[in-house]
Amino acid sequence: MNKKQLVSDVKDYLGLDDYKSNSVGAGSVSLFKETEIVKEEIVLSYNKYPGAFRLSPSISGWKTFKEVDKILKKYFLKSGIGYQEHTIHIASRRFENISLFDIEKSADLEKIGKELRLMIQEDILSFFSKYKTLENVHSKIIRLDNSNLAKFVTNPPHPRIMVIKKLINDSKWETYCEESILMYQEQVKGKYKAVFEPIYNFLPDLYKELQQIPTY
């Protein structure tokens, strides 16, 4: 079995006919579904052993809202910052036991079938369904404190939230942008300057671009 067969077998086993398979990189594969507006991706990490795979105890779900990505991507690329092209994410519940089973052939998925269904169907697919729109996403964001934002909005969260608030015409979007810029300005003065400075450098330009987007 190779990793292409692994992800194809997971897709068939769970009946995810509307998803396509993809090789994300070394040690991971994914299933994704894409429209002109959003992209949803289920990411499975694994360890490879001679003749077998062992899946990691948790599975990730990534959702990209393309109108957010369209605005942000150029700033990250210009700044040389690694850019993750997804807006929100979730980690499924963990089942440590699934990493103990060798997956050598399609039938071996039965060994971890219950866990796969819970992680993918009940955790990740329900997450995708719950956050169908940016308005849904924003409703969640405003209930989170700063320490938990990155557990929902892909890191760094603040530039993404600036864009989201503008796109949904949140009445406080300008205040949020200005406060975020000031926060990063202060962080640049601290010991994590190397982390915050590349982001701070483009936030004023991002804010200016957002100001030019018509409000309907």
N, C-alpha and C. Protein backbone atom coordinates (compact mmCIF):
# COMPACT_ATOMS: atom_id res chain seq x y z
N MET A 1 0.85 -1.20 0.00
CA MET A 1 0.00 0.00 0.00
C MET A 1 0.88 1.25 0.00
N ASN A 2 0.56 2.21 -0.85
CA ASN A 2 1.23 3.51 -0.82
C ASN A 2 0.26 4.55 -0.25
N LYS A 3 0.73 5.78 -0.08
CA LYS A 3 -0.12 6.76 0.59
C LYS A 3 -1.30 7.19 -0.29
N LYS A 4 -1.15 7.09 -1.59
CA LYS A 4 -2.27 7.38 -2.49
C LYS A 4 -3.40 6.37 -2.26
N GLN A 5 -3.02 5.11 -2.10
CA GLN A 5 -4.01 4.08 -1.83
C GLN A 5 -4.61 4.24 -0.45
N LEU A 6 -3.79 4.65 0.52
CA LEU A 6 -4.27 4.85 1.88
C LEU A 6 -5.40 5.87 1.91
N VAL A 7 -5.19 7.04 1.34
CA VAL A 7 -6.20 8.09 1.41
C VAL A 7 -7.42 7.73 0.58
N SER A 8 -7.21 7.03 -0.53
CA SER A 8 -8.33 6.56 -1.34
C SER A 8 -9.18 5.56 -0.57
N ASP A 9 -8.53 4.68 0.18
CA ASP A 9 -9.26 3.69 0.97
C ASP A 9 -10.05 4.35 2.09
N VAL A 10 -9.48 5.37 2.73
CA VAL A 10 -10.20 6.09 3.79
C VAL A 10 -11.44 6.77 3.19
N LYS A 11 -11.26 7.38 2.04
CA LYS A 11 -12.38 8.03 1.36
C LYS A 11 -13.50 7.04 1.08
N ASP A 12 -13.16 5.88 0.53
CA ASP A 12 -14.16 4.87 0.20
C ASP A 12 -14.79 4.29 1.45
N TYR A 13 -13.99 4.05 2.45
CA TYR A 13 -14.48 3.44 3.68
C TYR A 13 -15.53 4.30 4.36
N LEU A 14 -15.33 5.63 4.33
CA LEU A 14 -16.26 6.55 4.99
C LEU A 14 -17.32 7.10 4.05
N GLY A 15 -17.28 6.70 2.78
CA GLY A 15 -18.29 7.16 1.84
C GLY A 15 -18.20 8.64 1.52
N LEU A 16 -16.99 9.16 1.47
CA LEU A 16 -16.80 10.60 1.20
C LEU A 16 -16.65 10.83 -0.31
N ASP A 17 -17.69 10.52 -1.03
CA ASP A 17 -17.63 10.52 -2.49
C ASP A 17 -17.43 11.90 -3.09
N ASP A 18 -17.84 12.95 -2.37
CA ASP A 18 -17.71 14.30 -2.91
C ASP A 18 -16.36 14.94 -2.57
N TYR A 19 -15.46 14.18 -1.95
CA TYR A 19 -14.12 14.67 -1.64
C TYR A 19 -13.10 14.04 -2.58
N LYS A 20 -12.05 14.79 -2.88
CA LYS A 20 -10.95 14.30 -3.69
C LYS A 20 -9.74 14.04 -2.79
N SER A 21 -8.89 13.12 -3.21
CA SER A 21 -7.70 12.80 -2.43
C SER A 21 -6.52 13.64 -2.87
N ASN A 22 -5.60 13.86 -1.90
CA ASN A 22 -4.46 14.73 -2.16
C ASN A 22 -3.31 14.30 -1.25
N SER A 23 -2.08 14.43 -1.75
CA SER A 23 -0.89 14.21 -0.93
C SER A 23 -0.39 15.56 -0.45
N VAL A 24 -0.54 15.83 0.83
CA VAL A 24 -0.19 17.15 1.38
C VAL A 24 1.32 17.32 1.42
N GLY A 25 2.03 16.32 1.86
CA GLY A 25 3.47 16.40 1.99
C GLY A 25 3.97 15.14 2.67
N ALA A 26 5.23 15.15 3.07
CA ALA A 26 5.78 13.99 3.75
C ALA A 26 5.03 13.76 5.06
N GLY A 27 4.51 12.57 5.22
CA GLY A 27 3.85 12.23 6.47
C GLY A 27 2.40 12.62 6.58
N SER A 28 1.78 13.05 5.49
CA SER A 28 0.37 13.43 5.58
C SER A 28 -0.32 13.31 4.22
N VAL A 29 -1.61 13.04 4.28
CA VAL A 29 -2.47 13.00 3.10
C VAL A 29 -3.76 13.71 3.46
N SER A 30 -4.57 14.04 2.45
CA SER A 30 -5.79 14.76 2.76
C SER A 30 -6.90 14.41 1.78
N LEU A 31 -8.10 14.75 2.21
CA LEU A 31 -9.29 14.70 1.36
C LEU A 31 -9.83 16.12 1.31
N PHE A 32 -10.16 16.61 0.10
CA PHE A 32 -10.63 17.98 0.03
C PHE A 32 -11.83 18.12 -0.89
N LYS A 33 -12.60 19.16 -0.62
CA LYS A 33 -13.76 19.54 -1.43
C LYS A 33 -13.68 21.04 -1.65
N GLU A 34 -13.90 21.49 -2.88
CA GLU A 34 -13.65 22.88 -3.21
C GLU A 34 -14.74 23.45 -4.11
N THR A 35 -15.14 24.69 -3.79
CA THR A 35 -16.04 25.45 -4.65
C THR A 35 -15.36 26.78 -4.97
N GLU A 36 -16.06 27.66 -5.65
CA GLU A 36 -15.50 28.98 -5.95
C GLU A 36 -15.36 29.82 -4.68
N ILE A 37 -16.07 29.45 -3.62
CA ILE A 37 -16.12 30.26 -2.41
C ILE A 37 -15.25 29.70 -1.29
N VAL A 38 -15.29 28.38 -1.09
CA VAL A 38 -14.58 27.78 0.04
C VAL A 38 -13.83 26.52 -0.40
N LYS A 39 -12.91 26.13 0.44
CA LYS A 39 -12.23 24.84 0.31
C LYS A 39 -12.21 24.19 1.69
N GLU A 40 -12.58 22.92 1.75
CA GLU A 40 -12.56 22.15 2.98
C GLU A 40 -11.58 21.01 2.82
N GLU A 41 -10.75 20.78 3.84
CA GLU A 41 -9.73 19.74 3.72
C GLU A 41 -9.60 18.97 5.03
N ILE A 42 -9.59 17.66 4.91
CA ILE A 42 -9.42 16.75 6.04
C ILE A 42 -8.01 16.19 5.93
N VAL A 43 -7.17 16.43 6.94
CA VAL A 43 -5.75 16.09 6.87
C VAL A 43 -5.42 14.96 7.85
N LEU A 44 -4.89 13.88 7.31
CA LEU A 44 -4.50 12.73 8.11
C LEU A 44 -2.98 12.60 8.10
N SER A 45 -2.39 12.60 9.28
CA SER A 45 -0.95 12.39 9.40
C SER A 45 -0.69 10.92 9.69
N TYR A 46 0.50 10.47 9.34
CA TYR A 46 0.80 9.05 9.53
C TYR A 46 2.30 8.84 9.72
N ASN A 47 2.64 7.68 10.24
CA ASN A 47 4.01 7.18 10.24
C ASN A 47 4.06 5.99 9.31
N LYS A 48 5.13 5.89 8.54
CA LYS A 48 5.27 4.81 7.57
C LYS A 48 6.28 3.79 8.09
N TYR A 49 5.87 2.55 8.06
CA TYR A 49 6.72 1.44 8.42
C TYR A 49 6.79 0.48 7.23
N PRO A 50 7.76 -0.43 7.22
CA PRO A 50 7.84 -1.36 6.08
C PRO A 50 6.52 -2.10 5.85
N GLY A 51 5.89 -1.79 4.73
CA GLY A 51 4.66 -2.48 4.37
C GLY A 51 3.40 -1.99 5.05
N ALA A 52 3.50 -0.96 5.89
CA ALA A 52 2.31 -0.55 6.65
C ALA A 52 2.34 0.93 7.01
N PHE A 53 1.15 1.48 7.26
CA PHE A 53 0.98 2.84 7.78
C PHE A 53 0.38 2.75 9.17
N ARG A 54 0.67 3.75 9.99
CA ARG A 54 -0.02 3.92 11.25
C ARG A 54 -0.48 5.38 11.33
N LEU A 55 -1.76 5.58 11.50
CA LEU A 55 -2.30 6.93 11.53
C LEU A 55 -2.05 7.60 12.88
N SER A 56 -1.92 8.92 12.86
CA SER A 56 -1.76 9.68 14.10
C SER A 56 -3.06 9.71 14.88
N PRO A 57 -2.99 9.98 16.19
CA PRO A 57 -4.17 9.88 17.06
C PRO A 57 -5.25 10.94 16.82
N SER A 58 -4.91 12.00 16.10
CA SER A 58 -5.89 13.06 15.84
C SER A 58 -5.84 13.43 14.37
N ILE A 59 -6.95 13.97 13.87
CA ILE A 59 -7.07 14.37 12.47
C ILE A 59 -7.43 15.86 12.43
N SER A 60 -6.91 16.56 11.45
CA SER A 60 -7.14 18.01 11.34
C SER A 60 -8.16 18.33 10.26
N GLY A 61 -8.90 19.40 10.48
CA GLY A 61 -9.81 19.93 9.48
C GLY A 61 -9.46 21.37 9.18
N TRP A 62 -9.31 21.70 7.90
CA TRP A 62 -8.98 23.07 7.48
C TRP A 62 -10.07 23.60 6.57
N LYS A 63 -10.49 24.83 6.81
CA LYS A 63 -11.47 25.46 5.93
C LYS A 63 -10.97 26.83 5.49
N THR A 64 -10.98 27.02 4.18
CA THR A 64 -10.51 28.28 3.59
C THR A 64 -11.69 29.03 2.99
N PHE A 65 -11.83 30.29 3.37
CA PHE A 65 -12.78 31.20 2.73
C PHE A 65 -11.96 32.03 1.73
N LYS A 66 -12.18 31.82 0.47
CA LYS A 66 -11.28 32.33 -0.55
C LYS A 66 -11.24 33.85 -0.64
N GLU A 67 -12.32 34.51 -0.25
CA GLU A 67 -12.29 35.98 -0.29
C GLU A 67 -11.34 36.53 0.77
N VAL A 68 -11.15 35.81 1.86
CA VAL A 68 -10.17 36.21 2.87
C VAL A 68 -8.76 35.96 2.34
N ASP A 69 -8.56 34.76 1.81
CA ASP A 69 -7.27 34.36 1.28
C ASP A 69 -6.81 35.30 0.16
N LYS A 70 -7.73 35.72 -0.69
CA LYS A 70 -7.40 36.58 -1.83
C LYS A 70 -6.78 37.89 -1.38
N ILE A 71 -7.26 38.41 -0.28
CA ILE A 71 -6.73 39.68 0.24
C ILE A 71 -5.40 39.47 0.96
N LEU A 72 -5.30 38.44 1.77
CA LEU A 72 -4.15 38.29 2.66
C LEU A 72 -2.90 37.75 2.00
N LYS A 73 -3.07 36.85 1.06
CA LYS A 73 -1.94 36.07 0.56
C LYS A 73 -0.78 36.93 0.09
N LYS A 74 -1.05 37.99 -0.63
CA LYS A 74 0.02 38.81 -1.20
C LYS A 74 0.87 39.47 -0.11
N TYR A 75 0.26 39.81 1.02
CA TYR A 75 1.02 40.44 2.11
C TYR A 75 1.98 39.45 2.74
N PHE A 76 1.53 38.23 2.96
CA PHE A 76 2.39 37.22 3.54
C PHE A 76 3.54 36.87 2.59
N LEU A 77 3.24 36.73 1.32
CA LEU A 77 4.28 36.37 0.36
C LEU A 77 5.31 37.48 0.23
N LYS A 78 4.85 38.72 0.18
CA LYS A 78 5.77 39.85 0.08
C LYS A 78 6.67 39.96 1.29
N SER A 79 6.15 39.60 2.45
CA SER A 79 6.91 39.69 3.70
C SER A 79 7.79 38.47 3.94
N GLY A 80 7.68 37.45 3.09
CA GLY A 80 8.48 36.26 3.26
C GLY A 80 8.02 35.37 4.40
N ILE A 81 6.77 35.55 4.81
CA ILE A 81 6.22 34.75 5.90
C ILE A 81 5.55 33.51 5.32
N GLY A 82 5.80 32.38 5.91
CA GLY A 82 5.12 31.17 5.47
C GLY A 82 3.62 31.34 5.58
N TYR A 83 2.92 31.05 4.51
CA TYR A 83 1.48 31.29 4.48
C TYR A 83 0.70 30.00 4.42
N GLN A 84 -0.20 29.83 5.37
CA GLN A 84 -1.09 28.68 5.37
C GLN A 84 -2.42 29.10 4.77
N GLU A 85 -2.79 28.45 3.70
CA GLU A 85 -3.97 28.89 2.96
C GLU A 85 -5.25 28.26 3.53
N HIS A 86 -5.49 28.50 4.80
CA HIS A 86 -6.78 28.14 5.37
C HIS A 86 -7.12 29.15 6.46
N THR A 87 -8.40 29.39 6.59
CA THR A 87 -8.89 30.47 7.46
C THR A 87 -9.13 29.98 8.87
N ILE A 88 -9.81 28.86 9.01
CA ILE A 88 -10.11 28.29 10.32
C ILE A 88 -9.72 26.82 10.32
N HIS A 89 -9.59 26.26 11.51
CA HIS A 89 -9.14 24.88 11.61
C HIS A 89 -9.67 24.24 12.88
N ILE A 90 -9.62 22.91 12.90
CA ILE A 90 -10.03 22.15 14.07
C ILE A 90 -9.16 20.90 14.16
N ALA A 91 -8.90 20.47 15.38
CA ALA A 91 -8.28 19.18 15.63
C ALA A 91 -9.36 18.27 16.20
N SER A 92 -9.49 17.10 15.65
CA SER A 92 -10.51 16.17 16.14
C SER A 92 -10.17 15.69 17.55
N ARG A 93 -11.10 14.98 18.16
CA ARG A 93 -10.78 14.29 19.41
C ARG A 93 -9.63 13.31 19.14
N ARG A 94 -8.93 12.93 20.19
CA ARG A 94 -7.77 12.04 20.07
C ARG A 94 -8.12 10.61 20.48
N PHE A 95 -7.63 9.68 19.68
CA PHE A 95 -7.70 8.26 20.02
C PHE A 95 -6.28 7.70 19.92
N GLU A 96 -5.60 7.62 21.05
CA GLU A 96 -4.21 7.18 21.02
C GLU A 96 -4.06 5.77 20.45
N ASN A 97 -5.09 4.96 20.61
CA ASN A 97 -4.99 3.56 20.20
C ASN A 97 -4.86 3.37 18.69
N ILE A 98 -5.34 4.33 17.89
CA ILE A 98 -5.31 4.07 16.44
C ILE A 98 -3.89 4.05 15.90
N SER A 99 -2.96 4.68 16.61
CA SER A 99 -1.57 4.68 16.15
C SER A 99 -0.86 3.36 16.44
N LEU A 100 -1.57 2.42 17.05
CA LEU A 100 -0.99 1.11 17.36
C LEU A 100 -1.28 0.07 16.28
N PHE A 101 -2.19 0.41 15.35
CA PHE A 101 -2.63 -0.57 14.35
C PHE A 101 -1.93 -0.36 13.01
N ASP A 102 -1.43 -1.45 12.46
CA ASP A 102 -0.84 -1.41 11.13
C ASP A 102 -1.94 -1.43 10.07
N ILE A 103 -1.86 -0.49 9.15
CA ILE A 103 -2.79 -0.47 8.01
C ILE A 103 -1.99 -0.90 6.78
N GLU A 104 -2.20 -2.15 6.39
CA GLU A 104 -1.46 -2.71 5.26
C GLU A 104 -2.34 -2.87 4.02
N LYS A 105 -3.65 -3.02 4.25
CA LYS A 105 -4.60 -3.21 3.15
C LYS A 105 -5.93 -2.58 3.54
N SER A 106 -6.81 -2.43 2.58
CA SER A 106 -8.08 -1.74 2.80
C SER A 106 -8.85 -2.29 3.99
N ALA A 107 -8.89 -3.60 4.13
CA ALA A 107 -9.68 -4.23 5.19
C ALA A 107 -9.18 -3.86 6.58
N ASP A 108 -7.93 -3.42 6.69
CA ASP A 108 -7.37 -3.08 8.00
C ASP A 108 -8.01 -1.83 8.60
N LEU A 109 -8.67 -1.03 7.77
CA LEU A 109 -9.35 0.16 8.31
C LEU A 109 -10.46 -0.21 9.27
N GLU A 110 -10.96 -1.43 9.19
CA GLU A 110 -11.97 -1.89 10.13
C GLU A 110 -11.45 -1.85 11.57
N LYS A 111 -10.15 -1.99 11.74
CA LYS A 111 -9.56 -1.98 13.08
C LYS A 111 -9.78 -0.64 13.77
N ILE A 112 -9.87 0.43 12.98
CA ILE A 112 -10.00 1.78 13.55
C ILE A 112 -11.23 2.49 13.00
N GLY A 113 -12.16 1.73 12.44
CA GLY A 113 -13.32 2.32 11.78
C GLY A 113 -14.17 3.19 12.67
N LYS A 114 -14.46 2.73 13.88
CA LYS A 114 -15.29 3.51 14.80
C LYS A 114 -14.65 4.85 15.10
N GLU A 115 -13.36 4.83 15.37
CA GLU A 115 -12.64 6.06 15.70
C GLU A 115 -12.60 7.02 14.50
N LEU A 116 -12.35 6.47 13.31
CA LEU A 116 -12.32 7.33 12.12
C LEU A 116 -13.65 8.03 11.90
N ARG A 117 -14.74 7.32 12.08
CA ARG A 117 -16.06 7.93 11.89
C ARG A 117 -16.30 9.05 12.89
N LEU A 118 -15.93 8.82 14.13
CA LEU A 118 -16.13 9.86 15.14
C LEU A 118 -15.27 11.08 14.84
N MET A 119 -14.01 10.87 14.49
CA MET A 119 -13.10 12.00 14.27
C MET A 119 -13.47 12.78 13.01
N ILE A 120 -13.78 12.06 11.94
CA ILE A 120 -14.03 12.75 10.67
C ILE A 120 -15.48 13.18 10.52
N GLN A 121 -16.40 12.28 10.73
CA GLN A 121 -17.81 12.62 10.49
C GLN A 121 -18.40 13.49 11.59
N GLU A 122 -18.15 13.13 12.84
CA GLU A 122 -18.78 13.88 13.93
C GLU A 122 -18.02 15.13 14.33
N ASP A 123 -16.69 15.10 14.20
CA ASP A 123 -15.90 16.27 14.60
C ASP A 123 -15.64 17.21 13.43
N ILE A 124 -14.99 16.72 12.39
CA ILE A 124 -14.54 17.62 11.32
C ILE A 124 -15.67 18.01 10.37
N LEU A 125 -16.45 17.05 9.89
CA LEU A 125 -17.52 17.41 8.96
C LEU A 125 -18.58 18.28 9.61
N SER A 126 -18.85 18.04 10.89
CA SER A 126 -19.82 18.89 11.58
C SER A 126 -19.25 20.30 11.77
N PHE A 127 -17.94 20.41 11.96
CA PHE A 127 -17.27 21.71 12.05
C PHE A 127 -17.43 22.47 10.73
N PHE A 128 -17.18 21.79 9.61
CA PHE A 128 -17.35 22.42 8.31
C PHE A 128 -18.79 22.90 8.11
N SER A 129 -19.73 22.08 8.55
CA SER A 129 -21.14 22.43 8.38
C SER A 129 -21.55 23.60 9.28
N LYS A 130 -21.02 23.62 10.48
CA LYS A 130 -21.37 24.67 11.44
C LYS A 130 -20.88 26.04 10.98
N TYR A 131 -19.69 26.08 10.39
CA TYR A 131 -19.09 27.34 9.97
C TYR A 131 -19.13 27.46 8.45
N LYS A 132 -20.35 27.60 7.94
CA LYS A 132 -20.56 27.69 6.49
C LYS A 132 -20.23 29.06 5.94
N THR A 133 -20.41 30.10 6.75
CA THR A 133 -20.23 31.47 6.27
C THR A 133 -19.28 32.24 7.18
N LEU A 134 -18.80 33.37 6.68
CA LEU A 134 -17.94 34.22 7.52
C LEU A 134 -18.72 34.80 8.70
N GLU A 135 -20.01 34.97 8.53
CA GLU A 135 -20.83 35.43 9.66
C GLU A 135 -20.83 34.39 10.77
N ASN A 136 -20.93 33.11 10.40
CA ASN A 136 -20.84 32.04 11.40
C ASN A 136 -19.48 32.07 12.10
N VAL A 137 -18.44 32.25 11.32
CA VAL A 137 -17.08 32.30 11.87
C VAL A 137 -16.94 33.47 12.83
N HIS A 138 -17.44 34.62 12.43
CA HIS A 138 -17.31 35.81 13.27
C HIS A 138 -18.07 35.65 14.59
N SER A 139 -19.20 35.00 14.55
CA SER A 139 -19.97 34.77 15.78
C SER A 139 -19.17 33.97 16.79
N LYS A 140 -18.36 33.05 16.30
CA LYS A 140 -17.47 32.28 17.17
C LYS A 140 -16.32 33.14 17.67
N ILE A 141 -15.73 33.91 16.77
CA ILE A 141 -14.56 34.73 17.11
C ILE A 141 -14.85 35.66 18.28
N ILE A 142 -16.01 36.32 18.25
CA ILE A 142 -16.30 37.32 19.27
C ILE A 142 -16.55 36.69 20.64
N ARG A 143 -16.67 35.37 20.69
CA ARG A 143 -16.84 34.69 21.97
C ARG A 143 -15.52 34.17 22.54
N LEU A 144 -14.44 34.34 21.78
CA LEU A 144 -13.15 33.82 22.21
C LEU A 144 -12.27 34.92 22.78
N ASP A 145 -11.47 34.56 23.80
CA ASP A 145 -10.46 35.52 24.27
C ASP A 145 -9.20 35.33 23.44
N ASN A 146 -8.27 36.26 23.58
CA ASN A 146 -7.07 36.26 22.74
C ASN A 146 -6.28 34.96 22.83
N SER A 147 -6.26 34.34 24.02
CA SER A 147 -5.46 33.14 24.21
C SER A 147 -5.99 31.95 23.43
N ASN A 148 -7.25 32.01 23.00
CA ASN A 148 -7.87 30.88 22.30
C ASN A 148 -8.13 31.15 20.82
N LEU A 149 -7.81 32.34 20.35
CA LEU A 149 -8.11 32.68 18.96
C LEU A 149 -7.40 31.75 17.98
N ALA A 150 -6.12 31.47 18.24
CA ALA A 150 -5.33 30.67 17.31
C ALA A 150 -5.75 29.19 17.30
N LYS A 151 -6.58 28.79 18.25
CA LYS A 151 -7.10 27.43 18.23
C LYS A 151 -8.25 27.29 17.24
N PHE A 152 -8.74 28.43 16.75
CA PHE A 152 -9.85 28.44 15.81
C PHE A 152 -9.47 29.11 14.49
N VAL A 153 -8.93 30.31 14.57
CA VAL A 153 -8.49 31.05 13.39
C VAL A 153 -7.01 30.73 13.15
N THR A 154 -6.67 30.45 11.91
CA THR A 154 -5.29 30.05 11.61
C THR A 154 -4.31 31.16 11.96
N ASN A 155 -3.22 30.77 12.57
CA ASN A 155 -2.20 31.69 13.06
C ASN A 155 -1.42 32.33 11.89
N PRO A 156 -1.13 33.65 11.98
CA PRO A 156 -1.55 34.59 13.01
C PRO A 156 -3.01 35.02 12.82
N PRO A 157 -3.80 35.01 13.86
CA PRO A 157 -5.23 35.24 13.69
C PRO A 157 -5.63 36.69 13.41
N HIS A 158 -4.90 37.65 13.95
CA HIS A 158 -5.39 39.04 13.89
C HIS A 158 -5.52 39.60 12.47
N PRO A 159 -4.56 39.39 11.56
CA PRO A 159 -4.78 39.86 10.19
C PRO A 159 -6.02 39.24 9.55
N ARG A 160 -6.24 37.96 9.80
CA ARG A 160 -7.42 37.31 9.24
C ARG A 160 -8.70 37.89 9.82
N ILE A 161 -8.69 38.15 11.10
CA ILE A 161 -9.89 38.71 11.73
C ILE A 161 -10.14 40.13 11.23
N MET A 162 -9.09 40.89 10.98
CA MET A 162 -9.26 42.22 10.39
C MET A 162 -10.04 42.11 9.09
N VAL A 163 -9.64 41.17 8.25
CA VAL A 163 -10.30 40.99 6.95
C VAL A 163 -11.73 40.50 7.13
N ILE A 164 -11.92 39.52 7.99
CA ILE A 164 -13.26 38.96 8.22
C ILE A 164 -14.22 40.04 8.70
N LYS A 165 -13.79 40.85 9.65
CA LYS A 165 -14.66 41.89 10.20
C LYS A 165 -15.06 42.90 9.12
N LYS A 166 -14.13 43.23 8.24
CA LYS A 166 -14.46 44.14 7.15
C LYS A 166 -15.45 43.51 6.18
N LEU A 167 -15.19 42.27 5.81
CA LEU A 167 -16.02 41.62 4.80
C LEU A 167 -17.46 41.40 5.26
N ILE A 168 -17.66 41.23 6.56
CA ILE A 168 -19.03 41.05 7.05
C ILE A 168 -19.63 42.38 7.51
N ASN A 169 -18.88 43.49 7.33
CA ASN A 169 -19.35 44.83 7.70
C ASN A 169 -19.65 44.95 9.19
N ASP A 170 -18.77 44.35 10.00
CA ASP A 170 -18.90 44.52 11.44
C ASP A 170 -18.70 46.00 11.79
N SER A 171 -19.56 46.52 12.63
CA SER A 171 -19.53 47.96 12.95
C SER A 171 -18.24 48.37 13.66
N LYS A 172 -17.54 47.42 14.25
CA LYS A 172 -16.33 47.73 15.01
C LYS A 172 -15.06 47.32 14.27
N TRP A 173 -15.16 47.11 12.97
CA TRP A 173 -14.00 46.59 12.26
C TRP A 173 -12.83 47.56 12.27
N GLU A 174 -13.09 48.85 12.15
CA GLU A 174 -11.99 49.82 12.15
C GLU A 174 -11.30 49.88 13.51
N THR A 175 -12.09 49.85 14.55
CA THR A 175 -11.52 49.84 15.91
C THR A 175 -10.65 48.61 16.10
N TYR A 176 -11.13 47.46 15.63
CA TYR A 176 -10.35 46.24 15.78
C TYR A 176 -9.02 46.34 15.02
N CYS A 177 -9.06 46.86 13.81
CA CYS A 177 -7.85 47.02 13.02
C CYS A 177 -6.84 47.92 13.72
N GLU A 178 -7.32 49.04 14.20
CA GLU A 178 -6.41 49.99 14.85
C GLU A 178 -5.82 49.42 16.13
N GLU A 179 -6.64 48.71 16.89
CA GLU A 179 -6.14 48.09 18.12
C GLU A 179 -5.13 46.98 17.81
N SER A 180 -5.37 46.24 16.74
CA SER A 180 -4.44 45.17 16.36
C SER A 180 -3.09 45.75 15.94
N ILE A 181 -3.13 46.83 15.16
CA ILE A 181 -1.88 47.47 14.74
C ILE A 181 -1.09 47.97 15.95
N LEU A 182 -1.77 48.58 16.89
CA LEU A 182 -1.10 49.06 18.10
C LEU A 182 -0.53 47.91 18.92
N MET A 183 -1.26 46.83 19.00
CA MET A 183 -0.80 45.67 19.76
C MET A 183 0.49 45.11 19.15
N TYR A 184 0.50 44.97 17.81
CA TYR A 184 1.71 44.46 17.16
C TYR A 184 2.86 45.46 17.28
N GLN A 185 2.55 46.73 17.26
CA GLN A 185 3.58 47.76 17.44
C GLN A 185 4.28 47.60 18.78
N GLU A 186 3.50 47.29 19.82
CA GLU A 186 4.07 47.07 21.15
C GLU A 186 4.86 45.77 21.20
N GLN A 187 4.36 44.74 20.54
CA GLN A 187 5.05 43.45 20.55
C GLN A 187 6.41 43.52 19.86
N VAL A 188 6.50 44.39 18.86
CA VAL A 188 7.77 44.54 18.14
C VAL A 188 8.88 45.06 19.06
N LYS A 189 8.49 45.74 20.12
CA LYS A 189 9.47 46.28 21.07
C LYS A 189 9.98 45.23 22.04
N GLY A 190 9.34 44.07 22.07
CA GLY A 190 9.69 43.05 23.04
C GLY A 190 10.65 42.01 22.50
N LYS A 191 10.79 40.92 23.25
CA LYS A 191 11.79 39.90 22.91
C LYS A 191 11.39 39.04 21.72
N TYR A 192 10.12 39.13 21.30
CA TYR A 192 9.67 38.35 20.14
C TYR A 192 9.56 39.21 18.89
N LYS A 193 10.40 40.21 18.81
CA LYS A 193 10.38 41.13 17.68
C LYS A 193 10.45 40.40 16.35
N ALA A 194 11.31 39.39 16.25
CA ALA A 194 11.49 38.68 14.99
C ALA A 194 10.21 38.01 14.51
N VAL A 195 9.34 37.64 15.46
CA VAL A 195 8.08 37.00 15.13
C VAL A 195 7.04 38.03 14.68
N PHE A 196 6.94 39.11 15.43
CA PHE A 196 5.86 40.07 15.22
C PHE A 196 6.16 41.14 14.16
N GLU A 197 7.43 41.47 13.97
CA GLU A 197 7.76 42.58 13.07
C GLU A 197 7.33 42.35 11.63
N PRO A 198 7.56 41.17 11.04
CA PRO A 198 7.13 40.98 9.65
C PRO A 198 5.62 41.16 9.47
N ILE A 199 4.85 40.81 10.48
CA ILE A 199 3.39 40.98 10.40
C ILE A 199 3.03 42.45 10.60
N TYR A 200 3.64 43.07 11.61
CA TYR A 200 3.37 44.49 11.87
C TYR A 200 3.67 45.35 10.65
N ASN A 201 4.71 44.98 9.91
CA ASN A 201 5.13 45.80 8.76
C ASN A 201 4.06 45.91 7.68
N PHE A 202 3.19 44.90 7.56
CA PHE A 202 2.17 45.00 6.50
C PHE A 202 0.79 45.35 7.02
N LEU A 203 0.58 45.37 8.32
CA LEU A 203 -0.76 45.64 8.84
C LEU A 203 -1.30 47.01 8.44
N PRO A 204 -0.51 48.09 8.49
CA PRO A 204 -1.06 49.38 8.04
C PRO A 204 -1.51 49.36 6.58
N ASP A 205 -0.75 48.70 5.70
CA ASP A 205 -1.15 48.62 4.30
C ASP A 205 -2.40 47.77 4.13
N LEU A 206 -2.49 46.70 4.90
CA LEU A 206 -3.70 45.88 4.87
C LEU A 206 -4.91 46.71 5.30
N TYR A 207 -4.74 47.47 6.34
CA TYR A 207 -5.84 48.32 6.83
C TYR A 207 -6.27 49.32 5.75
N LYS A 208 -5.30 49.92 5.07
CA LYS A 208 -5.63 50.87 4.00
C LYS A 208 -6.41 50.19 2.88
N GLU A 209 -6.00 48.98 2.54
CA GLU A 209 -6.73 48.26 1.48
C GLU A 209 -8.16 47.97 1.92
N LEU A 210 -8.33 47.56 3.16
CA LEU A 210 -9.67 47.26 3.66
C LEU A 210 -10.56 48.50 3.66
N GLN A 211 -9.97 49.63 3.92
CA GLN A 211 -10.73 50.88 3.90
C GLN A 211 -11.26 51.21 2.50
N GLN A 212 -10.59 50.68 1.48
CA GLN A 212 -11.02 50.95 0.11
C GLN A 212 -12.12 50.02 -0.39
N ILE A 213 -12.38 48.97 0.37
CA ILE A 213 -13.42 48.03 -0.04
C ILE A 213 -14.78 48.63 0.26
N PRO A 214 -15.66 48.73 -0.73
CA PRO A 214 -16.98 49.34 -0.50
C PRO A 214 -17.77 48.58 0.56
N THR A 215 -18.53 49.32 1.34
CA THR A 215 -19.42 48.74 2.33
C THR A 215 -20.83 48.75 1.79
N TYR A 216 -21.47 47.60 1.83
CA TYR A 216 -22.82 47.49 1.26
C TYR A 216 -23.86 47.36 2.38
